[in-house]
């Protein structure tokens, strides 16, 4: 009996490969190896050139762009009243308050009264002196009339005596021509005429001098009265000022004194706040003081809206390394604005159109703004640059970079000043 095996199922395989298929496999492998070398060679070349290597996640890269450049500073402002006068005591005395803090007042409304017996007494004394001078002036006018009447009487009497002497002189002339009177009587008539002429002339001169003297006394008294009237008017003004009135329409602020308190002259009493005209008080770092100028544009943020304003005042002094300024709204003041409210403000220091710029970053402090790492195909190369003005978000590029290029804007201290740095993905 014959047992069958699996020899009939086996097929003999020819292990000899065709030459054409061998060369095809060899050519394909060569192409694949060449492609790999072509892809790896640049990276290997860059890797060989870089002295440092860092992960892409550890750096920030920004693109150089061109556009409008605005340099501004952002500061926190406080809403204050543009007009908030403080009322002071005009004299020593006891104050009586007529209002309370928070009351609305109108301009000219009485706020308080001050009882000052010393000032009132001075006013009364000077008023009495003025009345005395006015009485003396009236008396002087009466005396002047009497003196003029007396002088006129003396002139008239002298005129009568002169007329009589002239008549006696004519009689003596006629009698002497007819030898009716002696030589002595004739000469006596001449002497009497001369004496009458002298008395008449002197009486007229005395009258004129007396009139001049009376006019001078009257003018002197008038000047005294004028000076005393000015003094009394000033004292009356001060007495009227004891009733303290509101200088503006507004609301009474903090009271700086209590009712029925004795105050010294020029001691503060209260403050009136005019809420119809509000401004923003800002404190600017000293480093920006030289860049500030009155009239600069300011953007004020309020309730997620932006309002235009301008810088109207700048303090000439520096306190706590800051400069104080005032910002006034250009068009209208927001309706819901309240005093002492905090607002964000941006002062526009400079605006330039079509400027090459890049985002701000820590690289400005790392290299002092003199160098930047230019990124190209995964390799960051240290490049010398020149920067200009700096804003809150961007910095102006003057030289060394072109639009569309990319640089590392994060801190570069970790590069150890390497000329080239490999950036790994």
Protein backbone atom coordinates (compact mmCIF):
# COMPACT_ATOMS: atom_id res chain seq x y z
CA UNK A 1 0.00 0.00 0.00
CA UNK A 2 1.35 3.40 -1.05
CA UNK A 3 0.88 6.47 1.31
CA UNK A 4 0.67 9.88 -0.47
CA UNK A 5 2.61 12.91 0.86
CA UNK A 6 2.42 16.68 0.14
CA UNK A 7 4.98 16.63 -2.61
CA UNK A 8 2.34 17.19 -5.21
CA UNK A 9 1.19 20.41 -3.49
CA UNK A 10 4.64 22.06 -3.28
CA UNK A 11 5.76 24.51 -5.93
CA UNK A 12 9.38 25.27 -6.40
CA UNK A 13 10.16 29.06 -6.22
CA UNK A 14 12.89 30.57 -8.31
CA UNK A 15 15.05 32.70 -5.93
CA UNK A 16 16.89 34.45 -8.74
CA UNK A 17 15.61 38.14 -9.03
CA UNK A 18 15.45 39.85 -12.32
CA UNK A 19 18.09 42.52 -12.81
CA UNK A 20 15.56 45.16 -13.87
CA UNK A 21 13.62 44.89 -10.63
CA UNK A 22 16.82 45.21 -8.60
CA UNK A 23 17.83 48.44 -10.29
CA UNK A 24 14.34 49.87 -9.78
CA UNK A 25 14.49 49.28 -6.06
CA UNK A 26 17.98 50.78 -5.90
CA UNK A 27 16.94 53.91 -7.79
CA UNK A 28 13.87 54.44 -5.58
CA UNK A 29 15.96 54.13 -2.42
CA UNK A 30 18.48 56.61 -3.80
CA UNK A 31 15.73 59.16 -4.51
CA UNK A 32 14.24 58.74 -1.05
CA UNK A 33 17.61 59.15 0.64
CA UNK A 34 18.36 62.23 -1.50
CA UNK A 35 15.04 63.81 -0.60
CA UNK A 36 15.67 63.20 3.06
CA UNK A 37 19.11 64.73 2.77
CA UNK A 38 17.66 67.71 0.87
CA UNK A 39 15.13 68.35 3.63
CA UNK A 40 17.47 67.76 6.53
CA UNK A 41 20.53 69.53 5.14
CA UNK A 42 19.25 73.19 5.58
CA UNK A 43 18.06 72.47 9.09
CA UNK A 44 21.35 70.81 9.86
CA UNK A 45 23.16 73.78 8.36
CA UNK A 46 21.16 76.23 10.46
CA UNK A 47 21.63 74.06 13.52
CA UNK A 48 25.36 74.06 12.93
CA UNK A 49 25.41 77.87 12.62
CA UNK A 50 23.31 78.56 15.77
CA UNK A 51 25.06 78.72 19.10
CA UNK A 52 21.80 78.64 21.10
CA UNK A 53 18.55 76.76 20.72
CA UNK A 54 15.15 77.61 22.22
CA UNK A 55 11.59 76.40 21.94
CA UNK A 56 9.09 78.40 19.87
CA UNK A 57 6.67 78.46 22.78
CA UNK A 58 9.09 80.49 24.90
CA UNK A 59 9.30 83.50 22.60
CA UNK A 60 6.88 86.05 21.12
CA UNK A 61 7.25 86.97 17.47
CA UNK A 62 5.76 90.08 15.85
CA UNK A 63 5.63 91.31 12.26
CA UNK A 64 6.94 94.70 11.14
CA UNK A 65 3.99 96.73 9.82
CA UNK A 66 3.41 100.19 8.38
CA UNK A 67 0.58 102.54 9.39
CA UNK A 68 -0.43 105.49 11.54
CA UNK A 69 1.61 105.80 14.73
CA UNK A 70 0.22 107.47 17.82
CA UNK A 71 2.37 108.08 20.87
CA UNK A 72 0.32 108.47 24.00
CA UNK A 73 0.47 107.98 27.74
CA UNK A 74 -2.27 106.47 29.84
CA UNK A 75 -2.91 107.87 33.31
CA UNK A 76 -5.69 107.65 35.85
CA UNK A 77 -7.65 110.87 36.35
CA UNK A 78 -10.00 112.16 39.03
CA UNK A 79 -13.10 114.22 38.27
CA UNK A 80 -12.99 117.60 40.02
CA UNK A 81 -14.99 120.81 39.81
CA UNK A 82 -13.43 123.42 37.56
CA UNK A 83 -14.70 126.11 39.94
CA UNK A 84 -14.74 125.34 43.67
CA UNK A 85 -14.02 128.56 45.59
CA UNK A 86 -13.30 128.49 49.29
CA UNK A 87 -14.90 131.20 51.44
CA UNK A 88 -12.72 132.80 54.13
CA UNK A 89 -13.46 134.90 57.18
CA UNK A 90 -13.09 138.61 56.29
CA UNK A 91 -12.38 139.66 59.90
CA UNK A 92 -12.13 138.42 63.47
CA UNK A 93 -15.52 137.49 64.86
CA UNK A 94 -18.11 134.86 65.71
CA UNK A 95 -19.57 132.92 62.77
CA UNK A 96 -23.23 132.02 62.37
CA UNK A 97 -23.86 129.45 59.64
CA UNK A 98 -27.08 129.83 57.66
CA UNK A 99 -26.74 126.63 55.60
CA UNK A 100 -25.57 123.04 55.92
CA UNK A 101 -23.17 120.90 53.90
CA UNK A 102 -24.79 119.56 50.74
CA UNK A 103 -27.31 122.39 50.36
CA UNK A 104 -27.78 123.85 46.89
CA UNK A 105 -27.10 127.57 46.81
CA UNK A 106 -27.43 130.36 44.26
CA UNK A 107 -24.86 133.03 43.48
CA UNK A 108 -25.23 135.87 45.99
CA UNK A 109 -27.17 133.79 48.53
CA UNK A 110 -26.21 134.38 52.16
CA UNK A 111 -24.21 131.47 53.56
CA UNK A 112 -23.18 132.80 56.96
CA UNK A 113 -22.88 135.98 58.98
CA UNK A 114 -19.95 137.14 61.06
CA UNK A 115 -20.33 139.25 64.19
CA UNK A 116 -17.29 141.55 64.43
CA UNK A 117 -17.78 144.32 67.07
CA UNK A 118 -14.30 145.70 66.41
CA UNK A 119 -14.94 146.29 62.72
CA UNK A 120 -18.39 147.72 63.34
CA UNK A 121 -17.00 150.10 65.98
CA UNK A 122 -14.28 151.29 63.63
CA UNK A 123 -16.89 151.97 60.98
CA UNK A 124 -19.01 153.98 63.42
CA UNK A 125 -16.00 155.99 64.63
CA UNK A 126 -14.90 156.89 61.14
CA UNK A 127 -18.47 157.76 60.23
CA UNK A 128 -18.60 160.19 63.17
CA UNK A 129 -15.33 161.79 62.01
CA UNK A 130 -16.77 162.17 58.52
CA UNK A 131 -19.87 163.88 59.89
CA UNK A 132 -17.64 166.21 61.93
CA UNK A 133 -15.66 167.16 58.82
CA UNK A 134 -18.85 167.79 56.90
CA UNK A 135 -20.07 170.06 59.73
CA UNK A 136 -16.77 171.94 59.70
CA UNK A 137 -17.07 172.37 55.96
CA UNK A 138 -20.53 173.87 56.31
CA UNK A 139 -19.25 176.18 59.06
CA UNK A 140 -16.36 177.17 56.83
CA UNK A 141 -18.76 178.14 54.06
CA UNK A 142 -20.71 180.38 56.48
CA UNK A 143 -17.48 181.91 57.76
CA UNK A 144 -16.38 182.55 54.18
CA UNK A 145 -19.62 184.40 53.48
CA UNK A 146 -19.16 186.55 56.59
CA UNK A 147 -15.55 187.31 55.68
CA UNK A 148 -16.50 188.28 52.15
CA UNK A 149 -19.20 190.57 53.48
CA UNK A 150 -16.74 192.20 55.92
CA UNK A 151 -14.15 192.66 53.20
CA UNK A 152 -16.72 194.17 50.88
CA UNK A 153 -17.74 196.55 53.66
CA UNK A 154 -14.15 197.67 54.15
CA UNK A 155 -13.72 198.24 50.42
CA UNK A 156 -16.94 200.25 50.23
CA UNK A 157 -15.94 202.45 53.19
CA UNK A 158 -12.51 203.02 51.68
CA UNK A 159 -14.19 203.96 48.42
CA UNK A 160 -16.40 206.50 50.24
CA UNK A 161 -13.40 208.02 51.97
CA UNK A 162 -11.58 208.22 48.64
CA UNK A 163 -14.53 209.99 47.07
CA UNK A 164 -14.68 212.46 49.97
CA UNK A 165 -10.94 213.08 49.77
CA UNK A 166 -11.22 213.76 46.03
CA UNK A 167 -13.94 216.28 46.70
CA UNK A 168 -11.95 218.01 49.44
CA UNK A 169 -8.94 218.07 47.14
CA UNK A 170 -10.93 219.88 44.43
CA UNK A 171 -12.24 222.38 46.99
CA UNK A 172 -8.71 222.98 48.23
CA UNK A 173 -7.49 223.52 44.68
CA UNK A 174 -10.13 226.17 44.02
CA UNK A 175 -9.57 227.91 47.37
CA UNK A 176 -5.81 227.93 46.92
CA UNK A 177 -6.16 229.45 43.47
CA UNK A 178 -8.26 232.27 44.98
CA UNK A 179 -5.98 232.54 48.01
CA UNK A 180 -8.94 231.57 50.21
CA UNK A 181 -6.98 228.91 52.13
CA UNK A 182 -3.44 228.72 53.34
CA UNK A 183 -0.64 226.58 51.95
CA UNK A 184 -0.87 224.24 54.90
CA UNK A 185 -4.57 223.52 54.36
CA UNK A 186 -3.91 222.89 50.69
CA UNK A 187 -1.16 220.37 51.46
CA UNK A 188 -3.36 218.74 54.10
CA UNK A 189 -6.04 218.11 51.47
CA UNK A 190 -3.43 216.48 49.25
CA UNK A 191 -2.27 214.20 52.10
CA UNK A 192 -5.82 213.15 52.88
CA UNK A 193 -6.42 212.22 49.24
CA UNK A 194 -3.25 210.12 49.12
CA UNK A 195 -4.18 208.44 52.38
CA UNK A 196 -7.65 207.62 51.03
CA UNK A 197 -6.11 206.12 47.89
CA UNK A 198 -3.82 203.91 49.97
CA UNK A 199 -6.62 202.68 52.20
CA UNK A 200 -8.81 201.89 49.20
CA UNK A 201 -6.07 199.93 47.44
CA UNK A 202 -5.10 198.01 50.60
CA UNK A 203 -8.71 197.15 51.39
CA UNK A 204 -9.14 195.64 47.91
CA UNK A 205 -5.92 193.63 48.27
CA UNK A 206 -6.93 192.39 51.74
CA UNK A 207 -10.31 191.31 50.37
CA UNK A 208 -8.70 189.36 47.52
CA UNK A 209 -6.23 187.69 49.90
CA UNK A 210 -8.98 186.76 52.33
CA UNK A 211 -11.00 185.20 49.51
CA UNK A 212 -7.98 183.15 48.41
CA UNK A 213 -7.37 181.99 51.97
CA UNK A 214 -11.01 180.99 52.42
CA UNK A 215 -11.00 179.07 49.14
CA UNK A 216 -7.86 177.21 50.20
CA UNK A 217 -9.40 176.25 53.55
CA UNK A 218 -12.55 175.08 51.81
CA UNK A 219 -10.58 172.92 49.35
CA UNK A 220 -8.52 171.44 52.20
CA UNK A 221 -11.68 170.52 54.10
CA UNK A 222 -13.18 169.06 50.91
CA UNK A 223 -10.10 166.84 50.46
CA UNK A 224 -10.34 165.71 54.09
CA UNK A 225 -13.98 164.87 53.57
CA UNK A 226 -13.17 162.96 50.37
CA UNK A 227 -10.45 160.94 52.10
CA UNK A 228 -12.67 160.22 55.07
CA UNK A 229 -15.54 159.24 52.78
CA UNK A 230 -13.30 156.68 51.07
CA UNK A 231 -12.29 155.27 54.44
CA UNK A 232 -15.89 155.02 55.61
CA UNK A 233 -16.90 153.42 52.29
CA UNK A 234 -14.18 150.80 52.66
CA UNK A 235 -15.18 150.06 56.24
CA UNK A 236 -18.81 149.85 55.18
CA UNK A 237 -17.80 147.36 52.48
CA UNK A 238 -16.03 145.28 55.09
CA UNK A 239 -19.05 145.43 57.36
CA UNK A 240 -21.30 144.38 54.48
CA UNK A 241 -18.81 141.56 53.81
CA UNK A 242 -19.58 140.16 57.26
CA UNK A 243 -22.62 138.67 55.54
CA UNK A 244 -20.85 135.93 53.57
CA UNK A 245 -22.51 135.14 50.24
CA UNK A 246 -22.04 132.38 47.68
CA UNK A 247 -19.69 133.37 44.84
CA UNK A 248 -21.20 130.83 42.39
CA UNK A 249 -24.17 128.56 41.83
CA UNK A 250 -23.46 125.14 43.26
CA UNK A 251 -23.51 122.90 46.29
CA UNK A 252 -22.01 123.60 49.69
CA UNK A 253 -19.05 121.31 50.23
CA UNK A 254 -17.32 120.53 53.49
CA UNK A 255 -17.80 122.97 56.37
CA UNK A 256 -14.40 123.89 57.80
CA UNK A 257 -15.80 125.34 61.03
CA UNK A 258 -18.62 124.85 63.50
CA UNK A 259 -21.52 127.17 64.11
CA UNK A 260 -21.01 129.99 66.67
CA UNK A 261 -17.24 129.59 66.57
CA UNK A 262 -14.83 132.51 66.88
CA UNK A 263 -12.77 132.80 63.73
CA UNK A 264 -9.60 134.70 62.97
CA UNK A 265 -9.24 136.80 59.85
CA UNK A 266 -8.63 134.76 56.66
CA UNK A 267 -9.64 131.49 58.30
CA UNK A 268 -11.49 129.15 55.91
CA UNK A 269 -15.20 128.68 56.47
CA UNK A 270 -16.57 126.44 53.70
CA UNK A 271 -16.25 125.51 50.02
CA UNK A 272 -18.86 125.95 47.30
CA UNK A 273 -18.62 123.43 44.46
CA UNK A 274 -19.88 124.35 40.99
CA UNK A 275 -20.95 120.98 39.54
CA UNK A 276 -22.04 122.48 36.21
CA UNK A 277 -18.43 122.60 35.00
CA UNK A 278 -16.37 119.49 35.70
CA UNK A 279 -12.78 118.73 34.70
CA UNK A 280 -10.43 115.77 35.10
CA UNK A 281 -7.34 116.16 37.26
CA UNK A 282 -4.49 113.88 36.19
CA UNK A 283 -1.07 113.07 37.61
CA UNK A 284 1.56 112.46 34.95
CA UNK A 285 4.94 110.76 35.57
CA UNK A 286 7.87 113.15 35.70
CA UNK A 287 9.57 111.43 32.75
CA UNK A 288 6.87 112.77 30.40
CA UNK A 289 6.92 116.34 31.75
CA UNK A 290 9.07 117.69 28.91
CA UNK A 291 6.70 116.23 26.29
CA UNK A 292 3.59 117.92 27.66
CA UNK A 293 2.09 121.09 26.22
CA UNK A 294 -1.14 122.95 26.88
CA UNK A 295 -3.75 122.15 24.24
CA UNK A 296 -2.76 118.52 23.65
CA UNK A 297 -5.59 116.14 22.72
CA UNK A 298 -6.79 113.75 25.43
CA UNK A 299 -9.13 110.75 25.16
CA UNK A 300 -11.24 110.14 28.28
CA UNK A 301 -12.85 106.74 28.81
CA UNK A 302 -16.25 106.83 30.54
CA UNK A 303 -18.86 104.05 30.56
CA UNK A 304 -17.11 102.25 27.67
CA UNK A 305 -17.26 105.40 25.58
CA UNK A 306 -14.49 107.71 24.47
CA UNK A 307 -14.83 111.49 24.92
CA UNK A 308 -12.58 114.10 23.37
CA UNK A 309 -10.84 116.54 25.68
CA UNK A 310 -7.74 118.72 25.84
CA UNK A 311 -5.04 119.51 28.34
CA UNK A 312 -5.70 123.02 29.72
CA UNK A 313 -3.28 123.41 32.64
CA UNK A 314 0.07 121.94 33.68
CA UNK A 315 1.51 122.44 37.15
CA UNK A 316 4.93 124.16 37.12
CA UNK A 317 6.17 122.06 40.03
CA UNK A 318 6.85 118.35 40.49
CA UNK A 319 5.49 116.59 43.56
CA UNK A 320 6.18 112.94 44.35
CA UNK A 321 7.80 112.50 40.91
CA UNK A 322 4.57 113.54 39.22
CA UNK A 323 3.20 116.56 37.39
CA UNK A 324 -0.41 117.61 37.94
CA UNK A 325 -2.57 118.69 35.01
CA UNK A 326 -6.19 119.54 34.24
CA UNK A 327 -8.20 118.10 31.33
CA UNK A 328 -11.30 119.86 29.99
CA UNK A 329 -13.91 118.20 27.77
CA UNK A 330 -13.94 119.66 24.25
CA UNK A 331 -17.61 119.36 23.27
CA UNK A 332 -19.80 118.30 26.16
CA UNK A 333 -19.41 116.89 29.63
CA UNK A 334 -20.92 113.42 30.22
CA UNK A 335 -24.24 113.76 32.03
CA UNK A 336 -23.61 111.10 34.67
CA UNK A 337 -20.18 112.34 35.65
CA UNK A 338 -19.66 112.74 39.38
CA UNK A 339 -17.03 114.52 41.43
CA UNK A 340 -14.03 112.40 42.57
CA UNK A 341 -14.92 109.70 40.03
CA UNK A 342 -11.91 107.84 38.59
CA UNK A 343 -11.47 107.81 34.81
CA UNK A 344 -8.85 106.42 32.44
CA UNK A 345 -7.30 109.08 30.21
CA UNK A 346 -4.90 108.91 27.29
CA UNK A 347 -2.83 111.97 26.37
CA UNK A 348 -1.93 112.08 22.67
CA UNK A 349 1.70 113.20 22.62
CA UNK A 350 2.40 112.66 18.92
CA UNK A 351 0.71 111.35 15.77
CA UNK A 352 2.58 110.25 12.61
CA UNK A 353 1.07 108.77 9.43
CA UNK A 354 2.60 105.90 7.41
CA UNK A 355 5.22 104.87 9.96
CA UNK A 356 7.16 101.58 10.12
CA UNK A 357 6.39 100.07 13.52
CA UNK A 358 6.31 96.96 15.63
CA UNK A 359 4.61 95.88 18.82
CA UNK A 360 6.31 96.77 22.09
CA UNK A 361 7.96 94.01 24.02
CA UNK A 362 10.58 93.08 26.56
CA UNK A 363 13.27 93.13 23.87
CA UNK A 364 13.46 96.92 24.32
CA UNK A 365 14.82 96.46 27.83
CA UNK A 366 16.92 93.41 27.01
CA UNK A 367 19.01 95.11 24.35
CA UNK A 368 18.29 98.75 25.05
CA UNK A 369 16.47 98.97 21.74
CA UNK A 370 19.76 98.69 19.78
CA UNK A 371 19.41 95.07 18.60
CA UNK A 372 16.62 92.70 17.61
CA UNK A 373 16.53 89.02 16.62
CA UNK A 374 15.26 88.76 13.05
CA UNK A 375 13.41 85.47 12.47
CA UNK A 376 13.89 83.68 9.15
CA UNK A 377 13.00 80.00 8.59
CA UNK A 378 13.36 79.00 12.20
CA UNK A 379 16.64 80.85 12.73
CA UNK A 380 16.78 84.11 14.76
CA UNK A 381 19.67 86.33 13.75
CA UNK A 382 20.87 89.24 15.86
CA UNK A 383 20.39 92.45 13.84
CA UNK A 384 21.34 96.04 14.63
CA UNK A 385 18.29 98.37 14.53
CA UNK A 386 17.38 101.97 15.26
CA UNK A 387 14.12 102.80 17.04
CA UNK A 388 12.25 106.09 17.41
CA UNK A 389 9.19 107.13 19.37
CA UNK A 390 7.47 104.67 21.65
CA UNK A 391 3.76 104.41 22.41
CA UNK A 392 1.89 102.22 24.84
CA UNK A 393 1.52 99.40 22.29
CA UNK A 394 4.01 100.05 19.47
CA UNK A 395 7.47 101.43 18.81
CA UNK A 396 8.65 103.27 15.71
CA UNK A 397 11.30 101.54 13.57
CA UNK A 398 13.76 103.95 11.97
CA UNK A 399 16.39 101.63 10.46
CA UNK A 400 17.49 98.00 10.26
CA UNK A 401 14.12 96.35 9.54
CA UNK A 402 11.65 96.20 6.64
CA UNK A 403 7.92 95.82 6.39
CA UNK A 404 6.79 92.19 6.62
CA UNK A 405 9.85 90.93 8.52
CA UNK A 406 9.42 89.20 11.87
CA UNK A 407 11.39 89.76 15.05
CA UNK A 408 11.34 88.37 18.56
CA UNK A 409 9.68 90.95 20.87
CA UNK A 410 9.91 88.96 24.10
CA UNK A 411 12.90 89.13 26.40
CA UNK A 412 16.15 87.95 24.84
CA UNK A 413 18.41 87.75 27.89
CA UNK A 414 18.25 83.97 27.69
CA UNK A 415 19.99 84.10 24.27
CA UNK A 416 23.23 85.19 25.99
CA UNK A 417 23.88 87.73 23.20
CA UNK A 418 24.27 84.91 20.65
CA UNK A 419 24.59 86.00 17.02
CA UNK A 420 22.13 83.28 15.86
CA UNK A 421 19.56 81.28 17.77
CA UNK A 422 17.76 78.17 16.51
CA UNK A 423 14.01 78.19 17.20
CA UNK A 424 12.58 74.70 17.64
CA UNK A 425 8.93 74.01 16.94
